[in-house]
Amino acid sequence: MPKRYPLPKRFNAALSEDAYARLRGLNERWGLGNNYLLVVLLEYLDAYADPGKLDQAFERFIEEYGAPERKAEG
């Protein structure tokens, strides 16, 4: 019997309609639930995402929607 993966941190995430639709589609296919799907996507990001294309995606997003101001550390 497989072990249950512990999810120690919980947070609320706001998603666009398109992003949420894709998450629901993955949930229908794999049945893991949103939290587990996000863990898989982020834990294995390097296995499926081209670094240059990922940078371009972030740049396009920031160009279109902007980025929040960074909080000062410390």
PDB file of N, CA and C in Angstrom:
ATOM      1  N   MET A   1       0.857  -1.181   0.000  1.00  0.00           N
ATOM      2  CA  MET A   1       0.000   0.000   0.000  1.00  0.00           C
ATOM      3  C   MET A   1       0.900   1.241   0.000  1.00  0.00           C
ATOM      4  N   PRO A   2       0.646   2.197  -0.907  1.00  0.00           N
ATOM      5  CA  PRO A   2       1.477   3.395  -0.968  1.00  0.00           C
ATOM      6  C   PRO A   2       1.314   4.265   0.276  1.00  0.00           C
ATOM      7  N   LYS A   3       2.398   4.963   0.594  1.00  0.00           N
ATOM      8  CA  LYS A   3       2.348   5.906   1.708  1.00  0.00           C
ATOM      9  C   LYS A   3       1.580   7.153   1.283  1.00  0.00           C
ATOM     10  N   ARG A   4       1.011   7.819   2.243  1.00  0.00           N
ATOM     11  CA  ARG A   4       0.340   9.094   1.996  1.00  0.00           C
ATOM     12  C   ARG A   4       1.385  10.191   2.117  1.00  0.00           C
ATOM     13  N   TYR A   5       1.450  11.063   1.130  1.00  0.00           N
ATOM     14  CA  TYR A   5       2.415  12.155   1.135  1.00  0.00           C
ATOM     15  C   TYR A   5       1.949  13.231   2.102  1.00  0.00           C
ATOM     16  N   PRO A   6       2.772  13.606   3.086  1.00  0.00           N
ATOM     17  CA  PRO A   6       2.361  14.646   4.036  1.00  0.00           C
ATOM     18  C   PRO A   6       2.448  16.031   3.394  1.00  0.00           C
ATOM     19  N   LEU A   7       1.439  16.815   3.606  1.00  0.00           N
ATOM     20  CA  LEU A   7       1.434  18.198   3.119  1.00  0.00           C
ATOM     21  C   LEU A   7       1.490  19.124   4.323  1.00  0.00           C
ATOM     22  N   PRO A   8       2.704  19.514   4.756  1.00  0.00           N
ATOM     23  CA  PRO A   8       2.852  20.273   5.987  1.00  0.00           C
ATOM     24  C   PRO A   8       2.396  21.723   5.901  1.00  0.00           C
ATOM     25  N   LYS A   9       2.429  22.325   4.719  1.00  0.00           N
ATOM     26  CA  LYS A   9       2.062  23.740   4.610  1.00  0.00           C
ATOM     27  C   LYS A   9       0.817  23.878   3.751  1.00  0.00           C
ATOM     28  N   ARG A  10      -0.102  24.656   4.223  1.00  0.00           N
ATOM     29  CA  ARG A  10      -1.329  24.924   3.475  1.00  0.00           C
ATOM     30  C   ARG A  10      -1.375  26.416   3.166  1.00  0.00           C
ATOM     31  N   PHE A  11      -1.863  26.741   2.003  1.00  0.00           N
ATOM     32  CA  PHE A  11      -2.025  28.142   1.659  1.00  0.00           C
ATOM     33  C   PHE A  11      -3.149  28.266   0.648  1.00  0.00           C
ATOM     34  N   ASN A  12      -3.743  29.420   0.604  1.00  0.00           N
ATOM     35  CA  ASN A  12      -4.768  29.701  -0.390  1.00  0.00           C
ATOM     36  C   ASN A  12      -4.090  30.248  -1.629  1.00  0.00           C
ATOM     37  N   ALA A  13      -4.504  29.787  -2.769  1.00  0.00           N
ATOM     38  CA  ALA A  13      -3.924  30.271  -4.017  1.00  0.00           C
ATOM     39  C   ALA A  13      -5.055  30.749  -4.925  1.00  0.00           C
ATOM     40  N   ALA A  14      -4.906  31.944  -5.429  1.00  0.00           N
ATOM     41  CA  ALA A  14      -5.865  32.461  -6.390  1.00  0.00           C
ATOM     42  C   ALA A  14      -5.399  32.046  -7.780  1.00  0.00           C
ATOM     43  N   LEU A  15      -6.322  31.542  -8.588  1.00  0.00           N
ATOM     44  CA  LEU A  15      -5.981  31.078  -9.927  1.00  0.00           C
ATOM     45  C   LEU A  15      -6.865  31.764 -10.950  1.00  0.00           C
ATOM     46  N   SER A  16      -6.319  31.941 -12.134  1.00  0.00           N
ATOM     47  CA  SER A  16      -7.150  32.432 -13.232  1.00  0.00           C
ATOM     48  C   SER A  16      -8.117  31.316 -13.620  1.00  0.00           C
ATOM     49  N   GLU A  17      -9.157  31.654 -14.350  1.00  0.00           N
ATOM     50  CA  GLU A  17     -10.118  30.641 -14.801  1.00  0.00           C
ATOM     51  C   GLU A  17      -9.427  29.584 -15.654  1.00  0.00           C
ATOM     52  N   ASP A  18      -8.519  30.011 -16.544  1.00  0.00           N
ATOM     53  CA  ASP A  18      -7.809  29.059 -17.401  1.00  0.00           C
ATOM     54  C   ASP A  18      -6.925  28.127 -16.582  1.00  0.00           C
ATOM     55  N   ALA A  19      -6.206  28.676 -15.608  1.00  0.00           N
ATOM     56  CA  ALA A  19      -5.332  27.855 -14.775  1.00  0.00           C
ATOM     57  C   ALA A  19      -6.155  26.865 -13.948  1.00  0.00           C
ATOM     58  N   TYR A  20      -7.284  27.325 -13.425  1.00  0.00           N
ATOM     59  CA  TYR A  20      -8.126  26.448 -12.614  1.00  0.00           C
ATOM     60  C   TYR A  20      -8.751  25.350 -13.469  1.00  0.00           C
ATOM     61  N   ALA A  21      -9.113  25.674 -14.703  1.00  0.00           N
ATOM     62  CA  ALA A  21      -9.664  24.665 -15.613  1.00  0.00           C
ATOM     63  C   ALA A  21      -8.620  23.583 -15.894  1.00  0.00           C
ATOM     64  N   ARG A  22      -7.375  23.987 -16.074  1.00  0.00           N
ATOM     65  CA  ARG A  22      -6.308  23.002 -16.317  1.00  0.00           C
ATOM     66  C   ARG A  22      -6.072  22.147 -15.072  1.00  0.00           C
ATOM     67  N   LEU A  23      -6.127  22.770 -13.901  1.00  0.00           N
ATOM     68  CA  LEU A  23      -5.966  22.027 -12.660  1.00  0.00           C
ATOM     69  C   LEU A  23      -7.105  21.015 -12.496  1.00  0.00           C
ATOM     70  N   ARG A  24      -8.333  21.426 -12.809  1.00  0.00           N
ATOM     71  CA  ARG A  24      -9.479  20.500 -12.742  1.00  0.00           C
ATOM     72  C   ARG A  24      -9.305  19.349 -13.728  1.00  0.00           C
ATOM     73  N   GLY A  25      -8.787  19.655 -14.931  1.00  0.00           N
ATOM     74  CA  GLY A  25      -8.545  18.610 -15.913  1.00  0.00           C
ATOM     75  C   GLY A  25      -7.528  17.589 -15.424  1.00  0.00           C
ATOM     76  N   LEU A  26      -6.455  18.077 -14.802  1.00  0.00           N
ATOM     77  CA  LEU A  26      -5.461  17.164 -14.238  1.00  0.00           C
ATOM     78  C   LEU A  26      -6.063  16.344 -13.097  1.00  0.00           C
ATOM     79  N   ASN A  27      -6.916  16.974 -12.306  1.00  0.00           N
ATOM     80  CA  ASN A  27      -7.575  16.282 -11.203  1.00  0.00           C
ATOM     81  C   ASN A  27      -8.478  15.170 -11.738  1.00  0.00           C
ATOM     82  N   GLU A  28      -9.201  15.442 -12.817  1.00  0.00           N
ATOM     83  CA  GLU A  28     -10.054  14.415 -13.412  1.00  0.00           C
ATOM     84  C   GLU A  28      -9.221  13.244 -13.919  1.00  0.00           C
ATOM     85  N   ARG A  29      -8.073  13.550 -14.500  1.00  0.00           N
ATOM     86  CA  ARG A  29      -7.223  12.489 -15.053  1.00  0.00           C
ATOM     87  C   ARG A  29      -6.526  11.666 -13.967  1.00  0.00           C
ATOM     88  N   TRP A  30      -5.955  12.366 -12.971  1.00  0.00           N
ATOM     89  CA  TRP A  30      -5.116  11.687 -11.989  1.00  0.00           C
ATOM     90  C   TRP A  30      -5.786  11.484 -10.630  1.00  0.00           C
ATOM     91  N   GLY A  31      -6.816  12.263 -10.317  1.00  0.00           N
ATOM     92  CA  GLY A  31      -7.533  12.096  -9.056  1.00  0.00           C
ATOM     93  C   GLY A  31      -6.711  12.401  -7.816  1.00  0.00           C
ATOM     94  N   LEU A  32      -5.757  13.308  -7.925  1.00  0.00           N
ATOM     95  CA  LEU A  32      -4.884  13.608  -6.793  1.00  0.00           C
ATOM     96  C   LEU A  32      -5.372  14.755  -5.919  1.00  0.00           C
ATOM     97  N   GLY A  33      -6.237  15.598  -6.394  1.00  0.00           N
ATOM     98  CA  GLY A  33      -6.645  16.779  -5.638  1.00  0.00           C
ATOM     99  C   GLY A  33      -5.705  17.938  -5.921  1.00  0.00           C
ATOM    100  N   ASN A  34      -6.212  19.141  -5.761  1.00  0.00           N
ATOM    101  CA  ASN A  34      -5.466  20.339  -6.134  1.00  0.00           C
ATOM    102  C   ASN A  34      -4.131  20.479  -5.401  1.00  0.00           C
ATOM    103  N   ASN A  35      -4.112  20.218  -4.102  1.00  0.00           N
ATOM    104  CA  ASN A  35      -2.864  20.377  -3.338  1.00  0.00           C
ATOM    105  C   ASN A  35      -1.789  19.438  -3.850  1.00  0.00           C
ATOM    106  N   TYR A  36      -2.141  18.180  -4.057  1.00  0.00           N
ATOM    107  CA  TYR A  36      -1.158  17.205  -4.537  1.00  0.00           C
ATOM    108  C   TYR A  36      -0.713  17.522  -5.958  1.00  0.00           C
ATOM    109  N   LEU A  37      -1.632  17.942  -6.800  1.00  0.00           N
ATOM    110  CA  LEU A  37      -1.260  18.301  -8.170  1.00  0.00           C
ATOM    111  C   LEU A  37      -0.242  19.437  -8.180  1.00  0.00           C
ATOM    112  N   LEU A  38      -0.458  20.449  -7.363  1.00  0.00           N
ATOM    113  CA  LEU A  38       0.488  21.558  -7.299  1.00  0.00           C
ATOM    114  C   LEU A  38       1.848  21.101  -6.767  1.00  0.00           C
ATOM    115  N   VAL A  39       1.858  20.173  -5.816  1.00  0.00           N
ATOM    116  CA  VAL A  39       3.122  19.631  -5.317  1.00  0.00           C
ATOM    117  C   VAL A  39       3.861  18.939  -6.455  1.00  0.00           C
ATOM    118  N   VAL A  40       3.173  18.078  -7.212  1.00  0.00           N
ATOM    119  CA  VAL A  40       3.811  17.366  -8.315  1.00  0.00           C
ATOM    120  C   VAL A  40       4.347  18.346  -9.346  1.00  0.00           C
ATOM    121  N   LEU A  41       3.531  19.327  -9.724  1.00  0.00           N
ATOM    122  CA  LEU A  41       3.957  20.294 -10.736  1.00  0.00           C
ATOM    123  C   LEU A  41       5.200  21.062 -10.304  1.00  0.00           C
ATOM    124  N   LEU A  42       5.252  21.467  -9.053  1.00  0.00           N
ATOM    125  CA  LEU A  42       6.389  22.254  -8.588  1.00  0.00           C
ATOM    126  C   LEU A  42       7.601  21.391  -8.247  1.00  0.00           C
ATOM    127  N   GLU A  43       7.383  20.233  -7.627  1.00  0.00           N
ATOM    128  CA  GLU A  43       8.513  19.357  -7.264  1.00  0.00           C
ATOM    129  C   GLU A  43       9.255  18.861  -8.508  1.00  0.00           C
ATOM    130  N   TYR A  44       8.527  18.601  -9.600  1.00  0.00           N
ATOM    131  CA  TYR A  44       9.130  18.023 -10.796  1.00  0.00           C
ATOM    132  C   TYR A  44       9.222  19.008 -11.954  1.00  0.00           C
ATOM    133  N   LEU A  45       9.178  20.289 -11.653  1.00  0.00           N
ATOM    134  CA  LEU A  45       9.206  21.342 -12.666  1.00  0.00           C
ATOM    135  C   LEU A  45      10.388  21.193 -13.619  1.00  0.00           C
ATOM    136  N   ASP A  46      11.559  20.905 -13.091  1.00  0.00           N
ATOM    137  CA  ASP A  46      12.750  20.779 -13.933  1.00  0.00           C
ATOM    138  C   ASP A  46      12.678  19.587 -14.884  1.00  0.00           C
ATOM    139  N   ALA A  47      11.868  18.605 -14.566  1.00  0.00           N
ATOM    140  CA  ALA A  47      11.764  17.412 -15.405  1.00  0.00           C
ATOM    141  C   ALA A  47      10.958  17.661 -16.676  1.00  0.00           C
ATOM    142  N   TYR A  48      10.077  18.659 -16.664  1.00  0.00           N
ATOM    143  CA  TYR A  48       9.211  18.851 -17.828  1.00  0.00           C
ATOM    144  C   TYR A  48       9.225  20.267 -18.399  1.00  0.00           C
ATOM    145  N   ALA A  49       9.810  21.212 -17.709  1.00  0.00           N
ATOM    146  CA  ALA A  49       9.784  22.595 -18.182  1.00  0.00           C
ATOM    147  C   ALA A  49      11.155  23.014 -18.697  1.00  0.00           C
ATOM    148  N   ASP A  50      11.174  23.531 -19.906  1.00  0.00           N
ATOM    149  CA  ASP A  50      12.394  24.085 -20.475  1.00  0.00           C
ATOM    150  C   ASP A  50      12.692  25.404 -19.750  1.00  0.00           C
ATOM    151  N   PRO A  51      13.882  25.553 -19.147  1.00  0.00           N
ATOM    152  CA  PRO A  51      14.185  26.773 -18.381  1.00  0.00           C
ATOM    153  C   PRO A  51      13.998  28.062 -19.178  1.00  0.00           C
ATOM    154  N   GLY A  52      14.418  28.077 -20.450  1.00  0.00           N
ATOM    155  CA  GLY A  52      14.266  29.283 -21.262  1.00  0.00           C
ATOM    156  C   GLY A  52      12.806  29.620 -21.515  1.00  0.00           C
ATOM    157  N   LYS A  53      12.009  28.595 -21.787  1.00  0.00           N
ATOM    158  CA  LYS A  53      10.579  28.829 -22.021  1.00  0.00           C
ATOM    159  C   LYS A  53       9.874  29.239 -20.735  1.00  0.00           C
ATOM    160  N   LEU A  54      10.315  28.696 -19.616  1.00  0.00           N
ATOM    161  CA  LEU A  54       9.730  29.082 -18.332  1.00  0.00           C
ATOM    162  C   LEU A  54      10.022  30.554 -18.041  1.00  0.00           C
ATOM    163  N   ASP A  55      11.262  30.971 -18.293  1.00  0.00           N
ATOM    164  CA  ASP A  55      11.608  32.389 -18.125  1.00  0.00           C
ATOM    165  C   ASP A  55      10.744  33.266 -19.024  1.00  0.00           C
ATOM    166  N   GLN A  56      10.547  32.856 -20.267  1.00  0.00           N
ATOM    167  CA  GLN A  56       9.704  33.618 -21.197  1.00  0.00           C
ATOM    168  C   GLN A  56       8.270  33.704 -20.693  1.00  0.00           C
ATOM    169  N   ALA A  57       7.771  32.610 -20.127  1.00  0.00           N
ATOM    170  CA  ALA A  57       6.397  32.611 -19.603  1.00  0.00           C
ATOM    171  C   ALA A  57       6.258  33.617 -18.465  1.00  0.00           C
ATOM    172  N   PHE A  58       7.240  33.629 -17.553  1.00  0.00           N
ATOM    173  CA  PHE A  58       7.191  34.600 -16.459  1.00  0.00           C
ATOM    174  C   PHE A  58       7.304  36.027 -16.984  1.00  0.00           C
ATOM    175  N   GLU A  59       8.186  36.243 -17.941  1.00  0.00           N
ATOM    176  CA  GLU A  59       8.349  37.576 -18.516  1.00  0.00           C
ATOM    177  C   GLU A  59       7.072  38.053 -19.200  1.00  0.00           C
ATOM    178  N   ARG A  60       6.419  37.155 -19.957  1.00  0.00           N
ATOM    179  CA  ARG A  60       5.152  37.519 -20.618  1.00  0.00           C
ATOM    180  C   ARG A  60       4.077  37.856 -19.601  1.00  0.00           C
ATOM    181  N   PHE A  61       3.993  37.048 -18.554  1.00  0.00           N
ATOM    182  CA  PHE A  61       2.988  37.276 -17.522  1.00  0.00           C
ATOM    183  C   PHE A  61       3.213  38.626 -16.845  1.00  0.00           C
ATOM    184  N   ILE A  62       4.457  38.901 -16.459  1.00  0.00           N
ATOM    185  CA  ILE A  62       4.773  40.160 -15.776  1.00  0.00           C
ATOM    186  C   ILE A  62       4.542  41.347 -16.699  1.00  0.00           C
ATOM    187  N   GLU A  63       4.849  41.182 -17.971  1.00  0.00           N
ATOM    188  CA  GLU A  63       4.616  42.256 -18.935  1.00  0.00           C
ATOM    189  C   GLU A  63       3.131  42.567 -19.053  1.00  0.00           C
ATOM    190  N   GLU A  64       2.307  41.528 -19.029  1.00  0.00           N
ATOM    191  CA  GLU A  64       0.867  41.733 -19.190  1.00  0.00           C
ATOM    192  C   GLU A  64       0.183  42.176 -17.899  1.00  0.00           C
ATOM    193  N   TYR A  65       0.549  41.559 -16.772  1.00  0.00           N
ATOM    194  CA  TYR A  65      -0.170  41.798 -15.526  1.00  0.00           C
ATOM    195  C   TYR A  65       0.632  42.545 -14.467  1.00  0.00           C
ATOM    196  N   GLY A  66       1.932  42.679 -14.671  1.00  0.00           N
ATOM    197  CA  GLY A  66       2.763  43.308 -13.655  1.00  0.00           C
ATOM    198  C   GLY A  66       3.120  42.310 -12.577  1.00  0.00           C
ATOM    199  N   ALA A  67       3.906  42.751 -11.636  1.00  0.00           N
ATOM    200  CA  ALA A  67       4.328  41.913 -10.520  1.00  0.00           C
ATOM    201  C   ALA A  67       4.121  42.696  -9.240  1.00  0.00           C
ATOM    202  N   PRO A  68       3.773  42.005  -8.160  1.00  0.00           N
ATOM    203  CA  PRO A  68       3.630  42.722  -6.886  1.00  0.00           C
ATOM    204  C   PRO A  68       4.978  43.232  -6.411  1.00  0.00           C
ATOM    205  N   GLU A  69       4.927  44.278  -5.625  1.00  0.00           N
ATOM    206  CA  GLU A  69       6.170  44.804  -5.054  1.00  0.00           C
ATOM    207  C   GLU A  69       6.748  43.780  -4.096  1.00  0.00           C
ATOM    208  N   ARG A  70       8.063  43.652  -4.121  1.00  0.00           N
ATOM    209  CA  ARG A  70       8.715  42.714  -3.210  1.00  0.00           C
ATOM    210  C   ARG A  70       8.813  43.331  -1.826  1.00  0.00           C
ATOM    211  N   LYS A  71       8.578  42.513  -0.833  1.00  0.00           N
ATOM    212  CA  LYS A  71       8.706  42.980   0.554  1.00  0.00           C
ATOM    213  C   LYS A  71      10.171  42.970   0.932  1.00  0.00           C
ATOM    214  N   ALA A  72      10.557  43.942   1.737  1.00  0.00           N
ATOM    215  CA  ALA A  72      11.953  43.999   2.212  1.00  0.00           C
ATOM    216  C   ALA A  72      12.179  42.844   3.178  1.00  0.00           C
ATOM    217  N   GLU A  73      13.324  42.194   3.019  1.00  0.00           N
ATOM    218  CA  GLU A  73      13.657  41.081   3.920  1.00  0.00           C
ATOM    219  C   GLU A  73      14.234  41.616   5.226  1.00  0.00           C
ATOM    220  N   GLY A  74      13.969  40.836   6.263  1.00  0.00           N
ATOM    221  CA  GLY A  74      14.596  41.160   7.535  1.00  0.00           C
ATOM    222  C   GLY A  74      13.699  41.859   8.410  1.00  0.00           C
TER     223      GLY A  74
END
